[in-house]
Protein backbone atom coordinates (compact mmCIF):
# COMPACT_ATOMS: atom_id res chain seq x y z
CA MET A 1 63.91 49.04 -9.49
CA ALA A 2 66.80 46.79 -8.52
CA ALA A 3 67.11 43.46 -10.30
CA SER A 4 65.67 40.71 -8.12
CA TYR A 5 65.68 37.69 -10.47
CA ARG A 6 68.92 36.02 -11.48
CA VAL A 7 68.83 34.67 -15.05
CA GLY A 8 70.88 31.98 -16.75
CA ILE A 9 70.84 31.36 -20.51
CA VAL A 10 71.56 27.98 -22.07
CA GLY A 11 72.59 28.13 -25.72
CA LEU A 12 74.04 31.32 -27.19
CA GLY A 13 72.75 31.08 -30.74
CA ARG A 14 70.90 33.84 -32.55
CA VAL A 15 67.76 34.06 -30.43
CA ALA A 16 69.78 34.41 -27.24
CA SER A 17 71.22 37.76 -28.32
CA THR A 18 72.48 38.38 -31.86
CA ILE A 19 69.18 38.06 -33.71
CA GLN A 20 68.41 41.64 -32.71
CA ASP A 21 71.42 42.80 -34.74
CA GLU A 22 69.78 41.18 -37.78
CA VAL A 23 66.23 42.49 -37.41
CA ALA A 24 66.95 46.01 -36.15
CA GLY A 25 67.16 47.31 -39.72
CA TYR A 26 64.24 45.35 -41.17
CA ALA A 27 61.33 47.20 -42.74
CA GLY A 28 57.87 46.76 -41.23
CA ARG A 29 56.66 46.26 -37.69
CA MET A 30 59.67 44.69 -35.99
CA LEU A 31 59.28 45.51 -32.32
CA LEU A 32 62.37 45.63 -30.14
CA PRO A 33 63.71 44.13 -27.91
CA TYR A 34 63.77 40.96 -30.00
CA SER A 35 66.20 38.58 -28.26
CA HIS A 36 66.10 36.94 -24.83
CA THR A 37 69.04 39.00 -23.58
CA HIS A 38 67.73 42.32 -24.88
CA ALA A 39 64.37 41.57 -23.25
CA TYR A 40 65.99 40.82 -19.89
CA ALA A 41 67.92 44.09 -20.18
CA ALA A 42 64.61 45.92 -20.75
CA VAL A 43 62.89 44.45 -17.68
CA PRO A 44 64.48 45.98 -14.56
CA GLN A 45 63.63 43.05 -12.27
CA THR A 46 65.83 40.65 -14.25
CA ARG A 47 69.59 40.34 -14.68
CA VAL A 48 71.57 37.82 -16.71
CA CYS A 49 74.17 36.36 -14.34
CA ALA A 50 75.31 33.20 -16.12
CA VAL A 51 75.43 31.62 -19.56
CA ALA A 52 76.26 28.16 -20.89
CA ASP A 53 77.24 27.05 -24.37
CA ILE A 54 79.47 24.24 -25.61
CA ASP A 55 81.37 26.82 -27.69
CA ALA A 56 83.69 28.71 -25.32
CA GLN A 57 84.24 31.41 -27.93
CA ARG A 58 80.55 32.21 -27.82
CA THR A 59 80.49 32.52 -24.05
CA THR A 60 83.55 34.79 -24.14
CA ALA A 61 82.06 37.02 -26.82
CA TYR A 62 78.74 37.17 -24.97
CA ALA A 63 80.35 38.13 -21.66
CA GLU A 64 82.43 40.85 -23.31
CA ARG A 65 79.35 42.33 -24.95
CA TRP A 66 76.94 42.16 -22.01
CA GLN A 67 79.01 42.65 -18.85
CA PRO A 68 78.73 46.46 -19.21
CA GLU A 69 74.95 46.00 -19.01
CA PHE A 70 74.61 43.32 -16.34
CA GLY A 71 77.91 43.29 -14.47
CA GLY A 72 79.75 40.02 -13.94
CA ILE A 73 78.50 37.11 -16.06
CA ALA A 74 79.71 33.59 -15.22
CA ALA A 75 80.45 31.55 -18.34
CA TYR A 76 80.17 27.75 -18.60
CA THR A 77 80.55 25.15 -21.34
CA SER A 78 78.16 22.81 -19.48
CA TYR A 79 74.60 23.74 -18.54
CA GLU A 80 74.66 21.06 -15.84
CA GLU A 81 77.65 22.76 -14.25
CA MET A 82 75.98 26.15 -14.49
CA LEU A 83 72.81 24.89 -12.82
CA GLN A 84 74.80 23.26 -10.03
CA ALA A 85 77.05 26.26 -9.37
CA GLU A 86 74.63 29.16 -9.77
CA ASP A 87 71.60 30.13 -7.70
CA LEU A 88 69.28 31.02 -10.60
CA ASP A 89 65.67 32.11 -10.64
CA ILE A 90 64.96 32.00 -14.38
CA VAL A 91 66.58 29.89 -17.09
CA SER A 92 66.21 30.66 -20.79
CA VAL A 93 66.51 27.57 -22.98
CA CYS A 94 67.80 28.85 -26.34
CA THR A 95 69.20 25.59 -27.69
CA HIS A 96 67.94 23.62 -30.68
CA ALA A 97 64.73 21.72 -30.00
CA PRO A 98 66.28 18.29 -29.18
CA LEU A 99 67.85 19.80 -26.05
CA HIS A 100 64.76 21.62 -24.80
CA ALA A 101 63.55 18.68 -22.72
CA PRO A 102 66.81 17.69 -20.99
CA VAL A 103 67.72 21.31 -20.18
CA THR A 104 64.24 22.06 -18.86
CA LEU A 105 64.21 18.91 -16.72
CA ALA A 106 67.61 19.77 -15.28
CA ALA A 107 66.56 23.36 -14.55
CA ALA A 108 63.37 22.24 -12.82
CA GLN A 109 65.29 19.79 -10.65
CA ALA A 110 67.83 22.52 -9.83
CA GLY A 111 65.09 24.57 -8.18
CA VAL A 112 64.65 27.54 -10.54
CA LYS A 113 61.42 29.49 -10.42
CA ALA A 114 60.77 29.69 -14.16
CA VAL A 115 61.98 28.25 -17.46
CA PHE A 116 61.61 30.37 -20.60
CA CYS A 117 61.92 27.82 -23.40
CA GLU A 118 62.22 28.55 -27.08
CA LYS A 119 59.63 27.16 -29.47
CA ALA A 120 58.87 24.45 -30.33
CA ILE A 121 58.48 23.07 -26.84
CA ALA A 122 60.07 19.74 -27.78
CA THR A 123 60.52 17.18 -30.56
CA SER A 124 57.83 14.78 -29.29
CA LEU A 125 54.74 14.82 -27.12
CA ALA A 126 56.45 12.46 -24.67
CA GLU A 127 59.22 15.02 -24.16
CA ALA A 128 56.68 17.82 -23.76
CA ASP A 129 54.74 15.82 -21.17
CA ALA A 130 57.93 15.12 -19.22
CA MET A 131 58.76 18.84 -19.20
CA ILE A 132 55.27 19.80 -18.03
CA ASP A 133 55.23 17.11 -15.33
CA ALA A 134 58.67 18.07 -14.00
CA CYS A 135 57.80 21.77 -13.84
CA ASP A 136 54.48 21.03 -12.16
CA ALA A 137 56.21 18.78 -9.60
CA HIS A 138 58.79 21.45 -8.72
CA ASN A 139 56.41 24.45 -8.98
CA VAL A 140 58.35 25.90 -11.90
CA LYS A 141 56.64 28.25 -14.34
CA LEU A 142 57.21 26.77 -17.80
CA VAL A 143 56.84 29.41 -20.51
CA ILE A 144 57.15 28.69 -24.24
CA ASN A 145 58.20 31.48 -26.56
CA HIS A 146 55.16 31.84 -28.81
CA THR A 147 56.00 35.53 -29.04
CA ARG A 148 52.76 36.71 -30.61
CA ARG A 149 50.85 35.91 -27.45
CA TRP A 150 52.49 38.97 -25.84
CA ASP A 151 52.55 41.19 -28.94
CA PRO A 152 50.28 44.26 -28.50
CA PHE A 153 49.37 44.03 -32.20
CA TYR A 154 48.01 40.50 -31.80
CA GLU A 155 46.49 41.30 -28.40
CA THR A 156 44.45 44.06 -30.06
CA ALA A 157 43.35 41.78 -32.90
CA LEU A 158 42.30 39.07 -30.43
CA ALA A 159 40.28 41.65 -28.49
CA LEU A 160 38.37 42.49 -31.71
CA VAL A 161 37.52 38.81 -32.11
CA GLN A 162 36.49 38.47 -28.47
CA GLU A 163 34.27 41.56 -28.77
CA GLY A 164 32.47 40.01 -31.74
CA ARG A 165 33.64 42.65 -34.20
CA ILE A 166 33.94 40.08 -37.00
CA GLY A 167 31.04 37.96 -35.78
CA ASN A 168 31.47 34.28 -35.03
CA VAL A 169 34.78 32.97 -36.30
CA ARG A 170 34.34 30.38 -39.03
CA THR A 171 37.80 29.82 -40.52
CA VAL A 172 41.38 30.52 -39.51
CA ALA A 173 44.12 30.05 -42.11
CA ALA A 174 47.82 29.97 -41.24
CA HIS A 175 50.20 30.71 -44.11
CA PHE A 176 53.96 30.34 -43.75
CA ALA A 177 56.99 29.24 -45.70
CA GLY A 178 59.18 26.67 -44.04
CA ALA A 179 58.88 23.74 -41.70
CA LEU A 180 55.84 22.92 -39.58
CA VAL A 181 57.60 22.68 -36.22
CA HIS A 182 60.37 25.25 -36.29
CA THR A 183 58.87 28.04 -38.41
CA GLY A 184 55.23 27.10 -38.53
CA ILE A 185 54.73 26.59 -34.81
CA HIS A 186 54.24 30.36 -34.33
CA TRP A 187 51.43 30.35 -36.87
CA LEU A 188 49.88 27.11 -35.62
CA ASP A 189 49.80 28.66 -32.17
CA ALA A 190 48.16 31.78 -33.63
CA MET A 191 45.54 29.54 -35.24
CA LEU A 192 44.79 27.98 -31.85
CA LEU A 193 44.66 31.46 -30.29
CA PHE A 194 42.15 32.90 -32.75
CA SER A 195 40.01 29.76 -33.01
CA ARG A 196 39.33 30.08 -29.27
CA SER A 197 38.85 26.32 -29.14
CA THR A 198 40.70 23.03 -29.12
CA PRO A 199 41.24 20.91 -32.25
CA ALA A 200 39.25 17.71 -32.73
CA TRP A 201 40.94 16.37 -35.87
CA VAL A 202 43.66 17.07 -38.44
CA ALA A 203 43.87 15.87 -42.04
CA GLY A 204 46.86 16.71 -44.20
CA SER A 205 50.12 15.80 -45.83
CA LEU A 206 53.76 16.80 -45.86
CA ALA A 207 55.45 18.58 -48.73
CA PRO A 208 56.43 16.29 -51.64
CA GLY A 209 59.62 14.38 -50.93
CA ALA A 210 59.66 15.27 -47.23
CA ASP A 211 61.74 13.24 -44.79
CA THR A 212 59.15 12.08 -42.28
CA ALA A 213 61.72 11.96 -39.48
CA ARG A 214 62.64 15.61 -39.91
CA ASP A 215 60.90 18.96 -39.81
CA ALA A 216 59.16 19.65 -43.11
CA GLY A 217 56.54 21.81 -44.74
CA GLY A 218 52.99 20.61 -45.22
CA ALA A 219 49.34 21.46 -45.68
CA ALA A 220 46.32 20.42 -43.65
CA SER A 221 42.79 21.09 -42.49
CA VAL A 222 41.98 21.29 -38.80
CA GLY A 223 38.55 20.80 -37.27
CA PHE A 224 37.89 22.53 -33.95
CA HIS A 225 35.38 21.53 -31.30
CA ASN A 226 33.49 24.83 -31.63
CA GLY A 227 32.93 24.39 -35.38
CA VAL A 228 35.81 26.54 -36.59
CA THR A 229 37.81 25.11 -39.50
CA GLY A 230 41.53 25.78 -39.70
CA PHE A 231 43.75 25.63 -42.78
CA ILE A 232 47.50 25.12 -42.65
CA ASP A 233 49.46 26.31 -45.67
CA GLY A 234 53.02 25.52 -44.74
CA GLN A 235 54.58 24.70 -48.07
CA SER A 236 54.25 27.88 -50.12
CA GLY A 237 55.64 31.34 -49.62
CA PRO A 238 57.11 33.68 -48.87
CA VAL A 239 53.88 34.51 -47.02
CA PHE A 240 53.67 34.69 -43.24
CA GLU A 241 50.17 35.59 -42.05
CA ILE A 242 47.06 34.50 -40.20
CA ASP A 243 43.67 35.06 -41.83
CA VAL A 244 40.61 35.02 -39.54
CA ILE A 245 37.18 35.08 -41.21
CA GLY A 246 33.96 35.43 -39.25
CA THR A 247 30.27 35.75 -40.00
CA ALA A 248 30.54 39.55 -39.96
CA GLY A 249 34.10 40.40 -40.89
CA ARG A 250 37.71 39.46 -41.42
CA LEU A 251 41.17 40.03 -39.91
CA ARG A 252 44.37 39.37 -41.82
CA LEU A 253 47.59 39.74 -39.85
CA SER A 254 51.09 39.43 -41.23
CA ASN A 255 54.45 40.11 -39.61
CA SER A 256 54.16 43.78 -40.53
CA ASP A 257 50.57 44.72 -41.31
CA VAL A 258 46.89 44.05 -40.63
CA GLU A 259 43.66 44.35 -42.59
CA PHE A 260 40.37 44.65 -40.70
CA PHE A 261 37.03 44.31 -42.50
CA THR A 262 33.43 44.27 -41.31
CA PHE A 263 30.33 43.34 -43.28
CA ASP A 264 28.21 46.24 -44.56
CA SER A 265 24.62 45.02 -44.74
CA ALA A 266 23.56 47.90 -47.03
CA THR A 267 26.02 46.99 -49.78
CA ARG A 268 26.45 43.35 -48.75
CA THR A 269 30.21 43.70 -49.01
CA LEU A 270 33.17 43.63 -46.69
CA VAL A 271 34.38 47.15 -45.96
CA GLU A 272 37.88 47.84 -44.71
CA ARG A 273 37.92 49.57 -41.33
CA PRO A 274 40.71 51.35 -39.45
CA PHE A 275 42.56 48.96 -37.17
CA PRO A 276 42.48 50.33 -33.61
CA LEU A 277 45.49 52.39 -32.63
CA VAL A 278 47.97 50.19 -30.78
CA ALA A 279 50.18 51.66 -28.08
CA TYR A 280 53.38 49.65 -28.45
CA ALA A 281 54.46 49.76 -24.82
CA HIS A 282 56.59 46.66 -25.32
CA SER A 283 57.58 44.02 -27.83
CA GLY A 284 56.33 40.47 -27.60
CA MET A 285 59.66 39.32 -26.20
CA GLN A 286 59.73 42.00 -23.52
CA GLY A 287 56.10 41.23 -22.71
CA ALA A 288 57.04 37.59 -22.22
CA VAL A 289 59.80 38.38 -19.73
CA ALA A 290 57.60 40.85 -17.85
CA GLU A 291 54.86 38.21 -17.62
CA ILE A 292 57.32 35.61 -16.35
CA VAL A 293 58.09 37.93 -13.44
CA ARG A 294 54.36 38.36 -12.74
CA CYS A 295 53.74 34.61 -12.97
CA ILE A 296 56.42 33.99 -10.35
CA GLU A 297 55.15 36.71 -8.03
CA GLU A 298 51.45 35.87 -8.45
CA ASP A 299 51.96 32.09 -8.65
CA ARG A 300 49.97 31.65 -11.83
CA PRO A 301 50.55 30.08 -15.25
CA SER A 302 51.64 32.01 -18.31
CA ARG A 303 49.39 32.69 -21.29
CA SER A 304 51.90 30.52 -23.19
CA ASP A 305 52.64 27.80 -20.67
CA GLY A 306 53.80 24.26 -21.35
CA ARG A 307 50.30 23.05 -22.19
CA VAL A 308 49.90 25.80 -24.79
CA GLY A 309 53.26 24.83 -26.28
CA ARG A 310 52.25 21.17 -26.30
CA ALA A 311 48.98 21.93 -28.09
CA ALA A 312 50.74 23.66 -30.99
CA LEU A 313 53.26 20.83 -31.28
CA GLU A 314 50.45 18.28 -31.28
CA VAL A 315 48.82 19.94 -34.31
CA ALA A 316 52.12 19.82 -36.20
CA LEU A 317 52.70 16.17 -35.30
CA ALA A 318 49.12 15.35 -36.30
CA VAL A 319 49.97 16.42 -39.85
CA TYR A 320 52.75 13.81 -39.81
CA ALA A 321 50.34 11.20 -38.47
CA SER A 322 47.77 12.02 -41.16
CA HIS A 323 50.45 11.93 -43.85
CA ALA A 324 51.38 8.42 -42.69
CA SER A 325 47.71 7.44 -43.14
CA SER A 326 47.47 8.81 -46.70
CA GLY A 327 45.86 12.05 -45.57
CA ALA A 328 43.10 10.50 -43.45
CA ARG A 329 41.62 12.44 -40.55
CA VAL A 330 43.50 11.89 -37.33
CA ALA A 331 41.62 12.39 -34.07
CA LEU A 332 43.07 14.54 -31.31
CA PRO A 333 44.38 14.11 -28.71
CA LEU A 334 46.97 11.96 -30.48
CA ALA A 335 47.32 8.48 -29.08
CA GLU A 336 50.93 8.32 -30.27
CA ARG A 337 53.23 10.30 -27.97
CA ASP A 338 56.62 8.98 -29.06
CA ARG A 339 56.78 10.26 -32.65
CA VAL A 340 59.94 12.39 -32.87
CA VAL A 341 60.36 15.11 -35.50
CA LEU A 342 63.86 16.53 -35.49
CA SER A 343 63.69 20.29 -35.59
CA ARG A 344 66.13 23.14 -35.18
């Protein structure tokens, strides 16, 4: 199938392309393609036509590497210039988080059809709201890269929950090492996914000595409207997993493995069961790009649209708000929209 969607990439850091060179040799369940560019190369309807980065050496190196795959790639040191000069359908925003909002706003105003923005959506709820409003106003599909939402492994686990295989979900625990917004946002989003609800309150604190203006680790409890309780463990490690416990079973998913248990009434114990065979037709990143194409063609939102991205960010920022109130419960939605947490 001939490429029909012209893609521009803003920011040529690791996730734009080179991160795949790092993870290709990792042990465990690392599904490829893993970068934005590799995913566009794997989806025949998309072609990278232009890139922008303030470092001209990066744009030169990128063009040399990828022109054999895509043909001519226009290189810019200004994303504004790229958006003005190029007729683009999709823009990937691969910059650090403080630039997500201005690049997304500029892309929406330039008339693109979709923006594929790296996580976290923004550094404040006010920025996230501006991005959502601009994309709504210009009929632009805003998609946030919470990669697990398109991962067949997580799709299968979610189906088990939806089918009632572990009963009614009671707790969801997110464990990760690193900062709440940059690293933890994937796991906070997974918590929201498996809770199948919206959070009502958050109570927690940042890691000892944390700079409250910058991205930091932390721990918290989250109360959901459907009665599920979430736990955020974002200051220990190195553990990256989501643990979902229901009235009749348990699912524990890490980056590379899963454990699936159901309750055996005869022995009154949890018994490990085989996890259903997963046909890995695509990686999460490739699934995201393929869905972006479908969202454009079917005029529908993504499973990880701007509102999904905002919800995960709001949970992270609620930990900061609770920390500022000595760990008191903070009701959601947050009244404060202007708190900025500087993240990568």
